Protein backbone atom coordinates (compact mmCIF):
# COMPACT_ATOMS: atom_id res chain seq x y z
CA UNK A 1 -30.11 -58.31 -14.87
CA UNK A 2 -29.60 -58.21 -11.01
CA UNK A 3 -28.75 -55.11 -9.11
CA UNK A 4 -27.77 -54.87 -5.35
CA UNK A 5 -25.71 -52.61 -3.27
CA UNK A 6 -25.97 -48.98 -2.63
CA UNK A 7 -24.87 -45.78 -4.51
CA UNK A 8 -25.13 -41.98 -4.04
CA UNK A 9 -27.24 -39.58 -6.09
CA UNK A 10 -26.08 -35.87 -5.54
CA UNK A 11 -28.24 -33.09 -6.75
CA UNK A 12 -27.71 -29.18 -6.41
CA UNK A 13 -28.47 -27.72 -3.15
CA UNK A 14 -31.98 -26.38 -2.73
CA UNK A 15 -32.21 -22.95 -0.84
CA UNK A 16 -35.53 -22.38 1.04
CA UNK A 17 -34.50 -18.80 1.55
CA UNK A 18 -34.03 -18.12 -2.28
CA UNK A 19 -37.23 -19.78 -3.09
CA UNK A 20 -39.14 -17.88 -0.22
CA UNK A 21 -38.06 -14.39 -1.06
CA UNK A 22 -39.38 -14.87 -4.83
CA UNK A 23 -42.95 -15.37 -3.42
CA UNK A 24 -45.63 -13.24 -2.27
CA UNK A 25 -47.24 -15.18 0.66
CA UNK A 26 -46.62 -18.28 2.56
CA UNK A 27 -48.97 -20.59 0.44
CA UNK A 28 -47.02 -19.55 -2.51
CA UNK A 29 -43.80 -20.48 -0.70
CA UNK A 30 -45.05 -23.72 0.30
CA UNK A 31 -46.02 -24.52 -3.17
CA UNK A 32 -43.11 -23.31 -4.97
CA UNK A 33 -40.72 -25.18 -2.37
CA UNK A 34 -42.71 -28.50 -2.99
CA UNK A 35 -42.39 -28.03 -6.85
CA UNK A 36 -38.44 -27.58 -6.69
CA UNK A 37 -38.33 -30.47 -4.37
CA UNK A 38 -40.36 -32.73 -6.61
CA UNK A 39 -38.67 -31.56 -9.88
CA UNK A 40 -35.18 -32.29 -8.08
CA UNK A 41 -36.52 -35.97 -7.26
CA UNK A 42 -37.81 -36.60 -10.72
CA UNK A 43 -34.43 -35.54 -12.26
CA UNK A 44 -32.62 -38.07 -10.00
CA UNK A 45 -35.20 -40.73 -10.70
CA UNK A 46 -34.80 -40.33 -14.43
CA UNK A 47 -30.81 -40.48 -14.12
CA UNK A 48 -31.18 -43.63 -11.97
CA UNK A 49 -33.50 -45.01 -14.57
CA UNK A 50 -31.22 -44.45 -17.30
CA UNK A 51 -28.35 -45.97 -15.23
CA UNK A 52 -30.22 -49.10 -14.54
CA UNK A 53 -32.85 -49.68 -17.22
CA UNK A 54 -30.97 -47.91 -19.99
CA UNK A 55 -27.77 -49.85 -18.89
CA UNK A 56 -25.70 -46.86 -18.76
CA UNK A 57 -24.34 -47.20 -15.16
CA UNK A 58 -22.47 -44.30 -14.01
CA UNK A 59 -22.39 -42.75 -17.29
CA UNK A 60 -25.93 -41.77 -16.98
CA UNK A 61 -24.83 -38.95 -14.65
CA UNK A 62 -25.81 -35.60 -15.77
CA UNK A 63 -24.67 -32.14 -15.12
CA UNK A 64 -27.00 -31.59 -12.29
CA UNK A 65 -27.00 -35.33 -11.04
CA UNK A 66 -23.99 -37.33 -10.15
CA UNK A 67 -23.80 -40.95 -9.41
CA UNK A 68 -20.99 -42.63 -7.89
CA UNK A 69 -20.05 -45.77 -6.21
CA UNK A 70 -17.52 -45.16 -3.62
CA UNK A 71 -16.17 -48.88 -3.58
CA UNK A 72 -15.37 -48.76 -7.42
């Protein structure tokens, strides 16, 4: 199977200030923010893997990660 072109992967907004207010110190803020970003990327990668390797295409989109191809 050959893939080419580009698509979009859209995930929910990540609000730094909401994460920071729940933490007690700058180090905790840094760790929490990094974890939230990492988790978001992993969710997006899993949806993309399902779309490509699971041959689900745009149907692999989830409630929080939406795939689209604007030219279709």
